[in-house]
Amino acid sequence: MILADSAQVADGKLYILGGGWSITGPDPTPSAVAIKVAVDSHEFNASHHWELFLEDADGQQVRFETPEGSQIIEVRGDFAATAPEDVPVGTPVDVPIAVNFGPIPLAAGGRFTWRMVIDGETLPGGLVSFTTRPARELAIEE
């Protein structure tokens, strides 16, 4: 997983713009989580469910007040992989996933983590953390 300004999947590849940051803000800006899942051959031809959650420094899901009430930020999906043709038996398959977000109003000076869960488990590499800069103080001219 990698944080980026923007990401997309095309032709089985991840295209990442402004990737590799871990500090943002303090103002909300668009962002993306670019994910590459390696699927081993024993997991081919099976459906896998994934979930992506935003957590605070205490491991609690980040909540926002909306007209519909308190909401968490979560994205869910499913994927499956099949054995590719013309490669040695047992070759793993990469499944690229790109999740883009509009500006998220996060607390300044905070620490946050995106957690990816696949089939109910947070696997190695399933976390990516970042920090928001402290709020800027406005200079007052006399």
N, C-alpha and C. Protein backbone atom coordinates (compact mmCIF):
# COMPACT_ATOMS: atom_id res chain seq x y z
N MET A 1 0.85 -1.18 0.00
CA MET A 1 0.00 0.00 0.00
C MET A 1 0.89 1.23 0.00
N ILE A 2 0.44 2.25 -0.74
CA ILE A 2 1.18 3.50 -0.80
C ILE A 2 0.17 4.65 -0.89
N LEU A 3 0.47 5.75 -0.21
CA LEU A 3 -0.37 6.94 -0.28
C LEU A 3 0.05 7.76 -1.49
N ALA A 4 -0.94 8.36 -2.14
CA ALA A 4 -0.67 9.13 -3.35
C ALA A 4 -1.65 10.29 -3.45
N ASP A 5 -1.35 11.20 -4.37
CA ASP A 5 -2.30 12.27 -4.67
C ASP A 5 -3.46 11.73 -5.50
N SER A 6 -3.16 10.76 -6.37
CA SER A 6 -4.16 10.16 -7.23
C SER A 6 -3.63 8.82 -7.72
N ALA A 7 -4.55 7.88 -8.00
CA ALA A 7 -4.14 6.57 -8.52
C ALA A 7 -5.26 6.00 -9.37
N GLN A 8 -4.87 5.16 -10.31
CA GLN A 8 -5.88 4.46 -11.11
C GLN A 8 -5.32 3.12 -11.57
N VAL A 9 -6.23 2.22 -11.93
CA VAL A 9 -5.85 0.92 -12.46
C VAL A 9 -6.23 0.88 -13.93
N ALA A 10 -5.29 0.48 -14.76
CA ALA A 10 -5.54 0.29 -16.19
C ALA A 10 -4.65 -0.82 -16.69
N ASP A 11 -5.22 -1.73 -17.47
CA ASP A 11 -4.48 -2.85 -18.06
C ASP A 11 -3.72 -3.65 -17.00
N GLY A 12 -4.32 -3.82 -15.82
CA GLY A 12 -3.70 -4.62 -14.78
C GLY A 12 -2.54 -3.96 -14.07
N LYS A 13 -2.37 -2.65 -14.27
CA LYS A 13 -1.27 -1.92 -13.65
C LYS A 13 -1.80 -0.77 -12.82
N LEU A 14 -1.01 -0.35 -11.81
CA LEU A 14 -1.33 0.83 -11.02
C LEU A 14 -0.62 2.03 -11.63
N TYR A 15 -1.36 3.09 -11.83
CA TYR A 15 -0.78 4.36 -12.27
C TYR A 15 -0.94 5.32 -11.10
N ILE A 16 0.22 5.81 -10.59
CA ILE A 16 0.24 6.59 -9.36
C ILE A 16 0.80 7.97 -9.64
N LEU A 17 0.10 9.00 -9.16
CA LEU A 17 0.54 10.39 -9.29
C LEU A 17 0.81 10.92 -7.89
N GLY A 18 1.99 11.45 -7.69
CA GLY A 18 2.33 12.03 -6.39
C GLY A 18 2.34 11.00 -5.28
N GLY A 19 2.95 9.86 -5.53
CA GLY A 19 2.92 8.76 -4.57
C GLY A 19 4.09 8.77 -3.61
N GLY A 20 3.86 8.19 -2.43
CA GLY A 20 4.93 7.98 -1.48
C GLY A 20 5.02 8.99 -0.36
N TRP A 21 3.95 9.72 -0.10
CA TRP A 21 4.02 10.71 0.97
C TRP A 21 3.50 10.14 2.28
N SER A 22 3.87 10.79 3.41
CA SER A 22 3.38 10.37 4.72
C SER A 22 3.02 11.56 5.59
N ILE A 23 3.12 12.78 5.04
CA ILE A 23 2.72 14.00 5.76
C ILE A 23 1.86 14.81 4.82
N THR A 24 0.74 15.33 5.33
CA THR A 24 -0.19 16.10 4.51
C THR A 24 -0.80 17.22 5.34
N GLY A 25 -1.54 18.07 4.66
CA GLY A 25 -2.32 19.10 5.34
C GLY A 25 -1.49 20.28 5.77
N PRO A 26 -2.08 21.07 6.67
CA PRO A 26 -3.25 20.75 7.48
C PRO A 26 -4.59 20.87 6.74
N ASP A 27 -4.57 21.54 5.59
CA ASP A 27 -5.82 21.69 4.85
C ASP A 27 -6.19 20.38 4.15
N PRO A 28 -7.47 20.05 4.08
CA PRO A 28 -7.90 18.83 3.37
C PRO A 28 -7.53 18.90 1.89
N THR A 29 -7.00 17.82 1.37
CA THR A 29 -6.67 17.72 -0.05
C THR A 29 -7.08 16.35 -0.56
N PRO A 30 -7.33 16.22 -1.86
CA PRO A 30 -7.64 14.89 -2.41
C PRO A 30 -6.46 13.95 -2.19
N SER A 31 -6.76 12.68 -2.06
CA SER A 31 -5.71 11.68 -1.85
C SER A 31 -6.17 10.33 -2.38
N ALA A 32 -5.25 9.39 -2.38
CA ALA A 32 -5.56 8.05 -2.87
C ALA A 32 -4.74 7.02 -2.10
N VAL A 33 -5.24 5.80 -2.07
CA VAL A 33 -4.49 4.67 -1.55
C VAL A 33 -4.31 3.71 -2.72
N ALA A 34 -3.05 3.45 -3.07
CA ALA A 34 -2.73 2.52 -4.16
C ALA A 34 -2.31 1.20 -3.52
N ILE A 35 -2.93 0.12 -3.97
CA ILE A 35 -2.74 -1.17 -3.31
C ILE A 35 -2.40 -2.23 -4.37
N LYS A 36 -1.41 -3.08 -4.05
CA LYS A 36 -1.11 -4.22 -4.90
C LYS A 36 -1.22 -5.46 -4.03
N VAL A 37 -2.17 -6.32 -4.36
CA VAL A 37 -2.38 -7.55 -3.61
C VAL A 37 -1.78 -8.70 -4.41
N ALA A 38 -0.86 -9.44 -3.81
CA ALA A 38 -0.27 -10.62 -4.45
C ALA A 38 -1.11 -11.82 -4.08
N VAL A 39 -1.68 -12.47 -5.08
CA VAL A 39 -2.55 -13.64 -4.86
C VAL A 39 -1.76 -14.89 -5.24
N ASP A 40 -1.54 -15.76 -4.25
CA ASP A 40 -0.82 -17.01 -4.49
C ASP A 40 -1.70 -17.99 -5.24
N SER A 41 -1.07 -18.92 -5.91
CA SER A 41 -1.79 -19.86 -6.78
C SER A 41 -2.83 -20.69 -6.03
N HIS A 42 -2.60 -20.99 -4.76
CA HIS A 42 -3.59 -21.78 -4.02
C HIS A 42 -4.86 -20.97 -3.71
N GLU A 43 -4.83 -19.64 -3.97
CA GLU A 43 -6.00 -18.78 -3.74
C GLU A 43 -6.72 -18.42 -5.04
N PHE A 44 -6.27 -18.98 -6.17
CA PHE A 44 -6.91 -18.69 -7.45
C PHE A 44 -8.34 -19.22 -7.47
N ASN A 45 -9.13 -18.59 -8.32
CA ASN A 45 -10.52 -19.01 -8.57
C ASN A 45 -11.40 -18.97 -7.33
N ALA A 46 -11.05 -18.12 -6.39
CA ALA A 46 -11.87 -17.92 -5.19
C ALA A 46 -12.12 -16.43 -5.04
N SER A 47 -13.30 -16.09 -4.58
CA SER A 47 -13.63 -14.69 -4.36
C SER A 47 -13.04 -14.24 -3.02
N HIS A 48 -12.43 -13.06 -3.02
CA HIS A 48 -11.84 -12.47 -1.80
C HIS A 48 -12.51 -11.12 -1.57
N HIS A 49 -12.85 -10.85 -0.31
CA HIS A 49 -13.51 -9.60 0.06
C HIS A 49 -12.49 -8.70 0.76
N TRP A 50 -12.43 -7.43 0.36
CA TRP A 50 -11.52 -6.49 1.01
C TRP A 50 -12.29 -5.29 1.55
N GLU A 51 -11.72 -4.70 2.60
CA GLU A 51 -12.27 -3.51 3.22
C GLU A 51 -11.12 -2.58 3.57
N LEU A 52 -11.33 -1.29 3.39
CA LEU A 52 -10.32 -0.28 3.70
C LEU A 52 -10.94 0.70 4.68
N PHE A 53 -10.30 0.88 5.85
CA PHE A 53 -10.82 1.75 6.91
C PHE A 53 -9.79 2.79 7.29
N LEU A 54 -10.24 3.98 7.65
CA LEU A 54 -9.37 5.02 8.18
C LEU A 54 -9.47 5.02 9.69
N GLU A 55 -8.31 4.92 10.37
CA GLU A 55 -8.26 4.87 11.83
C GLU A 55 -7.44 6.03 12.38
N ASP A 56 -7.74 6.42 13.62
CA ASP A 56 -6.96 7.47 14.28
C ASP A 56 -5.77 6.84 15.01
N ALA A 57 -5.02 7.65 15.76
CA ALA A 57 -3.81 7.17 16.44
C ALA A 57 -4.13 6.11 17.49
N ASP A 58 -5.37 6.08 17.97
CA ASP A 58 -5.77 5.08 18.97
C ASP A 58 -6.35 3.82 18.36
N GLY A 59 -6.32 3.71 17.03
CA GLY A 59 -6.85 2.54 16.36
C GLY A 59 -8.36 2.53 16.22
N GLN A 60 -8.99 3.68 16.49
CA GLN A 60 -10.44 3.80 16.35
C GLN A 60 -10.78 4.31 14.95
N GLN A 61 -11.87 3.82 14.39
CA GLN A 61 -12.27 4.29 13.06
C GLN A 61 -12.63 5.77 13.14
N VAL A 62 -12.15 6.53 12.15
CA VAL A 62 -12.43 7.97 12.10
C VAL A 62 -13.89 8.17 11.72
N ARG A 63 -14.58 9.02 12.46
CA ARG A 63 -16.00 9.30 12.22
C ARG A 63 -16.19 10.77 11.86
N PHE A 64 -17.19 11.00 11.00
CA PHE A 64 -17.55 12.36 10.59
C PHE A 64 -19.05 12.52 10.74
N GLU A 65 -19.45 13.70 11.13
CA GLU A 65 -20.88 14.00 11.22
C GLU A 65 -21.38 14.38 9.83
N THR A 66 -22.48 13.77 9.43
CA THR A 66 -23.10 14.06 8.14
C THR A 66 -24.59 14.30 8.40
N PRO A 67 -25.32 14.80 7.40
CA PRO A 67 -26.77 14.97 7.58
C PRO A 67 -27.47 13.65 7.93
N GLU A 68 -26.87 12.51 7.57
CA GLU A 68 -27.44 11.20 7.88
C GLU A 68 -26.96 10.66 9.22
N GLY A 69 -26.15 11.44 9.95
CA GLY A 69 -25.59 10.99 11.23
C GLY A 69 -24.11 10.71 11.13
N SER A 70 -23.56 10.13 12.17
CA SER A 70 -22.13 9.83 12.24
C SER A 70 -21.79 8.70 11.26
N GLN A 71 -20.76 8.92 10.47
CA GLN A 71 -20.35 7.94 9.45
C GLN A 71 -18.84 7.68 9.56
N ILE A 72 -18.44 6.44 9.27
CA ILE A 72 -17.02 6.12 9.17
C ILE A 72 -16.62 6.16 7.70
N ILE A 73 -15.33 6.26 7.45
CA ILE A 73 -14.83 6.19 6.07
C ILE A 73 -14.43 4.75 5.82
N GLU A 74 -15.12 4.12 4.91
CA GLU A 74 -14.79 2.74 4.56
C GLU A 74 -15.09 2.52 3.09
N VAL A 75 -14.29 1.67 2.48
CA VAL A 75 -14.48 1.29 1.09
C VAL A 75 -14.37 -0.24 1.09
N ARG A 76 -15.24 -0.88 0.30
CA ARG A 76 -15.26 -2.34 0.26
C ARG A 76 -15.29 -2.81 -1.19
N GLY A 77 -14.82 -4.01 -1.40
CA GLY A 77 -14.87 -4.58 -2.74
C GLY A 77 -14.53 -6.05 -2.70
N ASP A 78 -14.55 -6.67 -3.85
CA ASP A 78 -14.23 -8.08 -4.01
C ASP A 78 -13.28 -8.24 -5.19
N PHE A 79 -12.48 -9.27 -5.16
CA PHE A 79 -11.63 -9.60 -6.30
C PHE A 79 -11.42 -11.10 -6.36
N ALA A 80 -11.03 -11.56 -7.51
CA ALA A 80 -10.65 -12.95 -7.72
C ALA A 80 -9.51 -12.96 -8.73
N ALA A 81 -8.67 -13.95 -8.65
CA ALA A 81 -7.56 -14.07 -9.58
C ALA A 81 -7.56 -15.47 -10.18
N THR A 82 -7.10 -15.55 -11.41
CA THR A 82 -6.99 -16.84 -12.08
C THR A 82 -5.56 -17.03 -12.56
N ALA A 83 -5.22 -18.26 -12.82
CA ALA A 83 -3.87 -18.56 -13.30
C ALA A 83 -3.65 -17.92 -14.66
N PRO A 84 -2.58 -17.16 -14.82
CA PRO A 84 -2.30 -16.56 -16.12
C PRO A 84 -1.79 -17.62 -17.10
N GLU A 85 -2.04 -17.36 -18.38
CA GLU A 85 -1.55 -18.28 -19.42
C GLU A 85 -0.07 -18.02 -19.67
N ASP A 86 0.61 -19.03 -20.12
CA ASP A 86 1.99 -18.92 -20.58
C ASP A 86 2.98 -18.48 -19.50
N VAL A 87 2.71 -18.81 -18.24
CA VAL A 87 3.68 -18.58 -17.16
C VAL A 87 3.80 -19.87 -16.37
N PRO A 88 4.91 -20.06 -15.66
CA PRO A 88 5.08 -21.29 -14.89
C PRO A 88 3.96 -21.49 -13.87
N VAL A 89 3.57 -22.74 -13.67
CA VAL A 89 2.55 -23.08 -12.68
C VAL A 89 3.03 -22.59 -11.31
N GLY A 90 2.12 -22.01 -10.55
CA GLY A 90 2.45 -21.51 -9.22
C GLY A 90 2.82 -20.04 -9.19
N THR A 91 2.88 -19.40 -10.37
CA THR A 91 3.20 -17.97 -10.41
C THR A 91 2.09 -17.17 -9.75
N PRO A 92 2.41 -16.32 -8.75
CA PRO A 92 1.37 -15.50 -8.14
C PRO A 92 0.88 -14.42 -9.10
N VAL A 93 -0.30 -13.90 -8.83
CA VAL A 93 -0.89 -12.86 -9.66
C VAL A 93 -1.07 -11.60 -8.82
N ASP A 94 -0.68 -10.47 -9.39
CA ASP A 94 -0.88 -9.19 -8.70
C ASP A 94 -2.24 -8.62 -9.06
N VAL A 95 -2.98 -8.19 -8.04
CA VAL A 95 -4.27 -7.55 -8.24
C VAL A 95 -4.12 -6.10 -7.78
N PRO A 96 -4.15 -5.14 -8.73
CA PRO A 96 -4.02 -3.73 -8.35
C PRO A 96 -5.38 -3.15 -7.95
N ILE A 97 -5.37 -2.30 -6.93
CA ILE A 97 -6.57 -1.62 -6.47
C ILE A 97 -6.20 -0.16 -6.22
N ALA A 98 -7.00 0.77 -6.73
CA ALA A 98 -6.80 2.20 -6.51
C ALA A 98 -8.07 2.77 -5.90
N VAL A 99 -7.92 3.45 -4.76
CA VAL A 99 -9.06 4.06 -4.10
C VAL A 99 -8.76 5.54 -3.94
N ASN A 100 -9.57 6.38 -4.59
CA ASN A 100 -9.37 7.83 -4.55
C ASN A 100 -10.40 8.48 -3.65
N PHE A 101 -9.97 9.53 -2.95
CA PHE A 101 -10.83 10.26 -2.03
C PHE A 101 -10.79 11.74 -2.35
N GLY A 102 -11.91 12.40 -2.15
CA GLY A 102 -11.93 13.86 -2.18
C GLY A 102 -11.27 14.36 -0.90
N PRO A 103 -11.24 15.67 -0.71
CA PRO A 103 -10.64 16.21 0.51
C PRO A 103 -11.35 15.67 1.76
N ILE A 104 -10.58 15.12 2.69
CA ILE A 104 -11.11 14.58 3.94
C ILE A 104 -10.72 15.55 5.06
N PRO A 105 -11.69 16.11 5.77
CA PRO A 105 -11.37 17.07 6.84
C PRO A 105 -10.85 16.39 8.11
N LEU A 106 -9.55 16.18 8.17
CA LEU A 106 -8.93 15.52 9.32
C LEU A 106 -8.39 16.54 10.30
N ALA A 107 -8.30 16.16 11.56
CA ALA A 107 -7.76 17.04 12.58
C ALA A 107 -6.29 17.36 12.27
N ALA A 108 -5.94 18.62 12.40
CA ALA A 108 -4.55 19.04 12.20
C ALA A 108 -3.69 18.45 13.31
N GLY A 109 -2.44 18.12 12.98
CA GLY A 109 -1.52 17.59 13.97
C GLY A 109 -1.88 16.20 14.45
N GLY A 110 -2.54 15.41 13.61
CA GLY A 110 -2.96 14.07 14.00
C GLY A 110 -2.21 12.99 13.26
N ARG A 111 -2.34 11.78 13.73
CA ARG A 111 -1.74 10.60 13.09
C ARG A 111 -2.88 9.67 12.70
N PHE A 112 -2.84 9.17 11.46
CA PHE A 112 -3.92 8.36 10.92
C PHE A 112 -3.35 7.15 10.19
N THR A 113 -4.15 6.11 10.06
CA THR A 113 -3.73 4.89 9.39
C THR A 113 -4.86 4.36 8.53
N TRP A 114 -4.53 4.01 7.29
CA TRP A 114 -5.46 3.25 6.45
C TRP A 114 -5.19 1.79 6.73
N ARG A 115 -6.21 1.02 7.06
CA ARG A 115 -6.10 -0.42 7.33
C ARG A 115 -6.87 -1.18 6.26
N MET A 116 -6.18 -2.10 5.60
CA MET A 116 -6.84 -2.96 4.63
C MET A 116 -7.01 -4.35 5.22
N VAL A 117 -8.23 -4.83 5.15
CA VAL A 117 -8.58 -6.15 5.66
C VAL A 117 -9.02 -6.99 4.47
N ILE A 118 -8.43 -8.16 4.32
CA ILE A 118 -8.82 -9.08 3.24
C ILE A 118 -9.32 -10.37 3.88
N ASP A 119 -10.54 -10.73 3.54
CA ASP A 119 -11.18 -11.92 4.10
C ASP A 119 -11.09 -11.93 5.62
N GLY A 120 -11.29 -10.76 6.23
CA GLY A 120 -11.33 -10.64 7.69
C GLY A 120 -9.99 -10.49 8.37
N GLU A 121 -8.89 -10.46 7.63
CA GLU A 121 -7.55 -10.37 8.22
C GLU A 121 -6.80 -9.15 7.72
N THR A 122 -6.07 -8.50 8.62
CA THR A 122 -5.11 -7.48 8.22
C THR A 122 -3.80 -8.21 7.95
N LEU A 123 -3.42 -8.30 6.70
CA LEU A 123 -2.23 -9.05 6.31
C LEU A 123 -0.99 -8.16 6.38
N PRO A 124 0.22 -8.74 6.37
CA PRO A 124 1.43 -7.92 6.34
C PRO A 124 1.37 -6.94 5.16
N GLY A 125 1.71 -5.70 5.43
CA GLY A 125 1.65 -4.67 4.40
C GLY A 125 0.28 -4.05 4.27
N GLY A 126 -0.65 -4.43 5.14
CA GLY A 126 -2.02 -3.95 5.06
C GLY A 126 -2.29 -2.67 5.83
N LEU A 127 -1.23 -1.96 6.23
CA LEU A 127 -1.37 -0.69 6.93
C LEU A 127 -0.48 0.35 6.28
N VAL A 128 -0.98 1.57 6.18
CA VAL A 128 -0.15 2.69 5.76
C VAL A 128 -0.59 3.91 6.56
N SER A 129 0.38 4.57 7.22
CA SER A 129 0.06 5.66 8.13
C SER A 129 0.56 6.99 7.61
N PHE A 130 -0.05 8.05 8.11
CA PHE A 130 0.36 9.41 7.73
C PHE A 130 0.02 10.37 8.86
N THR A 131 0.63 11.55 8.78
CA THR A 131 0.44 12.60 9.78
C THR A 131 -0.07 13.85 9.09
N THR A 132 -0.96 14.57 9.78
CA THR A 132 -1.39 15.88 9.28
C THR A 132 -0.56 16.94 9.99
N ARG A 133 -0.14 17.92 9.24
CA ARG A 133 0.65 19.01 9.81
C ARG A 133 -0.20 19.78 10.83
N PRO A 134 0.47 20.43 11.81
CA PRO A 134 -0.27 21.28 12.75
C PRO A 134 -0.92 22.45 12.01
N ALA A 135 -1.97 22.99 12.60
CA ALA A 135 -2.66 24.15 12.00
C ALA A 135 -1.70 25.32 11.91
N ARG A 136 -1.84 26.08 10.86
CA ARG A 136 -1.00 27.27 10.65
C ARG A 136 -1.55 28.42 11.49
N GLU A 137 -0.62 29.17 12.05
CA GLU A 137 -1.02 30.39 12.75
C GLU A 137 -0.96 31.54 11.77
N LEU A 138 -1.99 32.36 11.77
CA LEU A 138 -2.02 33.52 10.88
C LEU A 138 -1.20 34.63 11.47
N ALA A 139 -0.34 35.22 10.66
CA ALA A 139 0.46 36.35 11.12
C ALA A 139 -0.40 37.60 11.11
N ILE A 140 -0.36 38.33 12.20
CA ILE A 140 -1.15 39.57 12.30
C ILE A 140 -0.21 40.74 12.13
N GLU A 141 -0.51 41.55 11.14
CA GLU A 141 0.32 42.73 10.89
C GLU A 141 -0.23 43.90 11.69
N GLU A 142 0.69 44.66 12.27
CA GLU A 142 0.26 45.83 13.05
C GLU A 142 0.52 47.09 12.29
